[in-house]
């Protein structure tokens, strides 16, 4: 199974539009989760705003 990691910016999303950022494709759920946490804690733009996550 492959896991697609997409982070959505809720501040730029509205009505039926979603501002999504493709991060990567991973072989394990743990790899995707670790990468998501890295982005949410360290990458400017992602760590500056509240984020909604769905697994």
PDB file of N, CA and C in Angstrom:
ATOM      1  N   UNK A   1       0.853  -1.172   0.000  1.00  0.00           N
ATOM      2  CA  UNK A   1       0.000   0.000   0.000  1.00  0.00           C
ATOM      3  C   UNK A   1       0.903   1.241   0.000  1.00  0.00           C
ATOM      4  N   UNK A   2       0.463   2.275  -0.680  1.00  0.00           N
ATOM      5  CA  UNK A   2       1.171   3.550  -0.694  1.00  0.00           C
ATOM      6  C   UNK A   2       0.325   4.608   0.000  1.00  0.00           C
ATOM      7  N   UNK A   3       0.998   5.576   0.605  1.00  0.00           N
ATOM      8  CA  UNK A   3       0.318   6.648   1.334  1.00  0.00           C
ATOM      9  C   UNK A   3       0.663   7.981   0.701  1.00  0.00           C
ATOM     10  N   UNK A   4      -0.347   8.720   0.307  1.00  0.00           N
ATOM     11  CA  UNK A   4      -0.203  10.039  -0.301  1.00  0.00           C
ATOM     12  C   UNK A   4      -0.354  11.089   0.795  1.00  0.00           C
ATOM     13  N   UNK A   5       0.644  11.959   0.910  1.00  0.00           N
ATOM     14  CA  UNK A   5       0.592  13.017   1.924  1.00  0.00           C
ATOM     15  C   UNK A   5       0.297  14.343   1.245  1.00  0.00           C
ATOM     16  N   UNK A   6      -0.841  14.916   1.616  1.00  0.00           N
ATOM     17  CA  UNK A   6      -1.258  16.229   1.124  1.00  0.00           C
ATOM     18  C   UNK A   6      -1.630  17.065   2.337  1.00  0.00           C
ATOM     19  N   UNK A   7      -1.052  18.245   2.456  1.00  0.00           N
ATOM     20  CA  UNK A   7      -1.419  19.169   3.521  1.00  0.00           C
ATOM     21  C   UNK A   7      -2.311  20.250   2.936  1.00  0.00           C
ATOM     22  N   UNK A   8      -3.372  20.583   3.637  1.00  0.00           N
ATOM     23  CA  UNK A   8      -4.336  21.578   3.187  1.00  0.00           C
ATOM     24  C   UNK A   8      -4.240  22.819   4.056  1.00  0.00           C
ATOM     25  N   UNK A   9      -4.209  23.977   3.422  1.00  0.00           N
ATOM     26  CA  UNK A   9      -4.176  25.249   4.136  1.00  0.00           C
ATOM     27  C   UNK A   9      -5.609  25.728   4.334  1.00  0.00           C
ATOM     28  N   UNK A  10      -6.132  25.618   5.564  1.00  0.00           N
ATOM     29  CA  UNK A  10      -7.525  26.011   5.797  1.00  0.00           C
ATOM     30  C   UNK A  10      -7.751  27.512   5.630  1.00  0.00           C
ATOM     31  N   UNK A  11      -6.707  28.320   5.802  1.00  0.00           N
ATOM     32  CA  UNK A  11      -6.843  29.766   5.646  1.00  0.00           C
ATOM     33  C   UNK A  11      -7.080  30.159   4.184  1.00  0.00           C
ATOM     34  N   UNK A  12      -6.569  29.363   3.256  1.00  0.00           N
ATOM     35  CA  UNK A  12      -6.717  29.671   1.828  1.00  0.00           C
ATOM     36  C   UNK A  12      -7.841  28.871   1.175  1.00  0.00           C
ATOM     37  N   UNK A  13      -8.491  28.009   1.930  1.00  0.00           N
ATOM     38  CA  UNK A  13      -9.569  27.177   1.405  1.00  0.00           C
ATOM     39  C   UNK A  13     -10.920  27.785   1.766  1.00  0.00           C
ATOM     40  N   UNK A  14     -11.884  27.617   0.880  1.00  0.00           N
ATOM     41  CA  UNK A  14     -13.217  28.173   1.113  1.00  0.00           C
ATOM     42  C   UNK A  14     -14.242  27.419   0.272  1.00  0.00           C
ATOM     43  N   UNK A  15     -15.472  27.448   0.687  1.00  0.00           N
ATOM     44  CA  UNK A  15     -16.596  26.812  -0.012  1.00  0.00           C
ATOM     45  C   UNK A  15     -16.177  25.448  -0.574  1.00  0.00           C
ATOM     46  N   UNK A  16     -16.210  25.311  -1.892  1.00  0.00           N
ATOM     47  CA  UNK A  16     -15.848  24.050  -2.543  1.00  0.00           C
ATOM     48  C   UNK A  16     -14.418  24.052  -3.058  1.00  0.00           C
ATOM     49  N   UNK A  17     -13.582  24.974  -2.595  1.00  0.00           N
ATOM     50  CA  UNK A  17     -12.186  25.068  -3.030  1.00  0.00           C
ATOM     51  C   UNK A  17     -11.259  24.711  -1.872  1.00  0.00           C
ATOM     52  N   UNK A  18     -10.236  23.930  -2.172  1.00  0.00           N
ATOM     53  CA  UNK A  18      -9.274  23.514  -1.162  1.00  0.00           C
ATOM     54  C   UNK A  18      -7.862  23.793  -1.668  1.00  0.00           C
ATOM     55  N   UNK A  19      -7.076  24.549  -0.912  1.00  0.00           N
ATOM     56  CA  UNK A  19      -5.689  24.848  -1.273  1.00  0.00           C
ATOM     57  C   UNK A  19      -4.811  23.738  -0.698  1.00  0.00           C
ATOM     58  N   UNK A  20      -4.440  22.789  -1.563  1.00  0.00           N
ATOM     59  CA  UNK A  20      -3.702  21.604  -1.147  1.00  0.00           C
ATOM     60  C   UNK A  20      -2.257  21.668  -1.624  1.00  0.00           C
ATOM     61  N   UNK A  21      -1.374  21.079  -0.832  1.00  0.00           N
ATOM     62  CA  UNK A  21       0.040  21.002  -1.171  1.00  0.00           C
ATOM     63  C   UNK A  21       0.444  19.535  -1.169  1.00  0.00           C
ATOM     64  N   UNK A  22       0.847  19.036  -2.325  1.00  0.00           N
ATOM     65  CA  UNK A  22       1.310  17.660  -2.454  1.00  0.00           C
ATOM     66  C   UNK A  22       2.695  17.570  -1.836  1.00  0.00           C
ATOM     67  N   UNK A  23       2.862  16.711  -0.846  1.00  0.00           N
ATOM     68  CA  UNK A  23       4.137  16.571  -0.162  1.00  0.00           C
ATOM     69  C   UNK A  23       4.889  15.340  -0.651  1.00  0.00           C
ATOM     70  N   UNK A  24       4.225  14.234  -0.795  1.00  0.00           N
ATOM     71  CA  UNK A  24       4.924  13.053  -1.271  1.00  0.00           C
ATOM     72  C   UNK A  24       4.112  11.789  -1.197  1.00  0.00           C
ATOM     73  N   UNK A  25       4.715  10.732  -1.721  1.00  0.00           N
ATOM     74  CA  UNK A  25       4.123   9.400  -1.731  1.00  0.00           C
ATOM     75  C   UNK A  25       5.045   8.504  -0.903  1.00  0.00           C
ATOM     76  N   UNK A  26       4.489   7.752   0.039  1.00  0.00           N
ATOM     77  CA  UNK A  26       5.296   7.001   0.993  1.00  0.00           C
ATOM     78  C   UNK A  26       4.882   5.534   1.031  1.00  0.00           C
ATOM     79  N   UNK A  27       5.839   4.675   1.345  1.00  0.00           N
ATOM     80  CA  UNK A  27       5.574   3.242   1.424  1.00  0.00           C
ATOM     81  C   UNK A  27       4.878   2.836   2.714  1.00  0.00           C
ATOM     82  N   UNK A  28       5.063   3.624   3.781  1.00  0.00           N
ATOM     83  CA  UNK A  28       4.428   3.274   5.050  1.00  0.00           C
ATOM     84  C   UNK A  28       3.688   4.484   5.620  1.00  0.00           C
ATOM     85  N   UNK A  29       2.678   4.188   6.423  1.00  0.00           N
ATOM     86  CA  UNK A  29       1.928   5.247   7.091  1.00  0.00           C
ATOM     87  C   UNK A  29       2.845   6.027   8.039  1.00  0.00           C
ATOM     88  N   UNK A  30       3.777   5.312   8.689  1.00  0.00           N
ATOM     89  CA  UNK A  30       4.690   5.955   9.626  1.00  0.00           C
ATOM     90  C   UNK A  30       5.590   6.968   8.921  1.00  0.00           C
ATOM     91  N   UNK A  31       6.079   6.642   7.723  1.00  0.00           N
ATOM     92  CA  UNK A  31       6.888   7.594   6.955  1.00  0.00           C
ATOM     93  C   UNK A  31       6.089   8.851   6.636  1.00  0.00           C
ATOM     94  N   UNK A  32       4.838   8.678   6.227  1.00  0.00           N
ATOM     95  CA  UNK A  32       3.970   9.816   5.911  1.00  0.00           C
ATOM     96  C   UNK A  32       3.714  10.649   7.159  1.00  0.00           C
ATOM     97  N   UNK A  33       3.429   9.992   8.273  1.00  0.00           N
ATOM     98  CA  UNK A  33       3.165  10.705   9.529  1.00  0.00           C
ATOM     99  C   UNK A  33       4.405  11.464   9.997  1.00  0.00           C
ATOM    100  N   UNK A  34       5.578  10.833   9.931  1.00  0.00           N
ATOM    101  CA  UNK A  34       6.819  11.499  10.340  1.00  0.00           C
ATOM    102  C   UNK A  34       7.101  12.723   9.477  1.00  0.00           C
ATOM    103  N   UNK A  35       6.878  12.595   8.185  1.00  0.00           N
ATOM    104  CA  UNK A  35       7.101  13.715   7.272  1.00  0.00           C
ATOM    105  C   UNK A  35       6.108  14.834   7.542  1.00  0.00           C
ATOM    106  N   UNK A  36       4.846  14.487   7.770  1.00  0.00           N
ATOM    107  CA  UNK A  36       3.832  15.496   8.092  1.00  0.00           C
ATOM    108  C   UNK A  36       4.222  16.250   9.362  1.00  0.00           C
ATOM    109  N   UNK A  37       4.646  15.533  10.384  1.00  0.00           N
ATOM    110  CA  UNK A  37       5.034  16.182  11.628  1.00  0.00           C
ATOM    111  C   UNK A  37       6.239  17.092  11.425  1.00  0.00           C
ATOM    112  N   UNK A  38       7.178  16.673  10.586  1.00  0.00           N
ATOM    113  CA  UNK A  38       8.343  17.518  10.287  1.00  0.00           C
ATOM    114  C   UNK A  38       7.891  18.828   9.636  1.00  0.00           C
ATOM    115  N   UNK A  39       7.007  18.737   8.637  1.00  0.00           N
ATOM    116  CA  UNK A  39       6.504  19.943   7.967  1.00  0.00           C
ATOM    117  C   UNK A  39       5.765  20.840   8.955  1.00  0.00           C
ATOM    118  N   UNK A  40       4.917  20.240   9.786  1.00  0.00           N
ATOM    119  CA  UNK A  40       4.083  21.018  10.692  1.00  0.00           C
ATOM    120  C   UNK A  40       4.890  21.684  11.804  1.00  0.00           C
ATOM    121  N   UNK A  41       6.062  21.156  12.116  1.00  0.00           N
ATOM    122  CA  UNK A  41       6.887  21.717  13.180  1.00  0.00           C
ATOM    123  C   UNK A  41       8.013  22.611  12.676  1.00  0.00           C
ATOM    124  N   UNK A  42       8.483  22.398  11.437  1.00  0.00           N
ATOM    125  CA  UNK A  42       9.721  23.030  11.007  1.00  0.00           C
ATOM    126  C   UNK A  42       9.662  23.885   9.741  1.00  0.00           C
ATOM    127  N   UNK A  43       8.726  23.657   8.876  1.00  0.00           N
ATOM    128  CA  UNK A  43       8.729  24.327   7.575  1.00  0.00           C
ATOM    129  C   UNK A  43       7.887  25.599   7.637  1.00  0.00           C
ATOM    130  N   UNK A  44       8.528  26.717   7.322  1.00  0.00           N
ATOM    131  CA  UNK A  44       7.846  28.010   7.350  1.00  0.00           C
ATOM    132  C   UNK A  44       6.600  27.948   6.464  1.00  0.00           C
ATOM    133  N   UNK A  45       5.532  28.488   6.954  1.00  0.00           N
ATOM    134  CA  UNK A  45       4.267  28.452   6.231  1.00  0.00           C
ATOM    135  C   UNK A  45       3.359  27.355   6.747  1.00  0.00           C
ATOM    136  N   UNK A  46       3.942  26.216   7.117  1.00  0.00           N
ATOM    137  CA  UNK A  46       3.151  25.131   7.693  1.00  0.00           C
ATOM    138  C   UNK A  46       3.139  25.227   9.212  1.00  0.00           C
ATOM    139  N   UNK A  47       4.276  25.602   9.810  1.00  0.00           N
ATOM    140  CA  UNK A  47       4.344  25.645  11.275  1.00  0.00           C
ATOM    141  C   UNK A  47       3.772  26.937  11.842  1.00  0.00           C
ATOM    142  N   UNK A  48       3.446  27.900  10.981  1.00  0.00           N
ATOM    143  CA  UNK A  48       2.978  29.216  11.452  1.00  0.00           C
ATOM    144  C   UNK A  48       1.465  29.283  11.674  1.00  0.00           C
ATOM    145  N   UNK A  49       0.720  28.294  11.197  1.00  0.00           N
ATOM    146  CA  UNK A  49      -0.739  28.353  11.236  1.00  0.00           C
ATOM    147  C   UNK A  49      -1.314  27.052  11.744  1.00  0.00           C
ATOM    148  N   UNK A  50      -2.508  27.079  12.335  1.00  0.00           N
ATOM    149  CA  UNK A  50      -3.150  25.836  12.757  1.00  0.00           C
ATOM    150  C   UNK A  50      -3.459  24.961  11.536  1.00  0.00           C
ATOM    151  N   UNK A  51      -3.344  23.666  11.713  1.00  0.00           N
ATOM    152  CA  UNK A  51      -3.530  22.741  10.597  1.00  0.00           C
ATOM    153  C   UNK A  51      -4.530  21.672  11.006  1.00  0.00           C
ATOM    154  N   UNK A  52      -5.359  21.260  10.054  1.00  0.00           N
ATOM    155  CA  UNK A  52      -6.293  20.177  10.258  1.00  0.00           C
ATOM    156  C   UNK A  52      -5.721  18.951   9.554  1.00  0.00           C
ATOM    157  N   UNK A  53      -5.585  17.849  10.264  1.00  0.00           N
ATOM    158  CA  UNK A  53      -5.018  16.650   9.662  1.00  0.00           C
ATOM    159  C   UNK A  53      -6.060  15.560   9.586  1.00  0.00           C
ATOM    160  N   UNK A  54      -5.955  14.750   8.546  1.00  0.00           N
ATOM    161  CA  UNK A  54      -6.818  13.587   8.354  1.00  0.00           C
ATOM    162  C   UNK A  54      -5.934  12.431   7.943  1.00  0.00           C
ATOM    163  N   UNK A  55      -6.071  11.321   8.636  1.00  0.00           N
ATOM    164  CA  UNK A  55      -5.299  10.131   8.268  1.00  0.00           C
ATOM    165  C   UNK A  55      -6.215   9.091   7.697  1.00  0.00           C
TER     166      UNK A  55
END
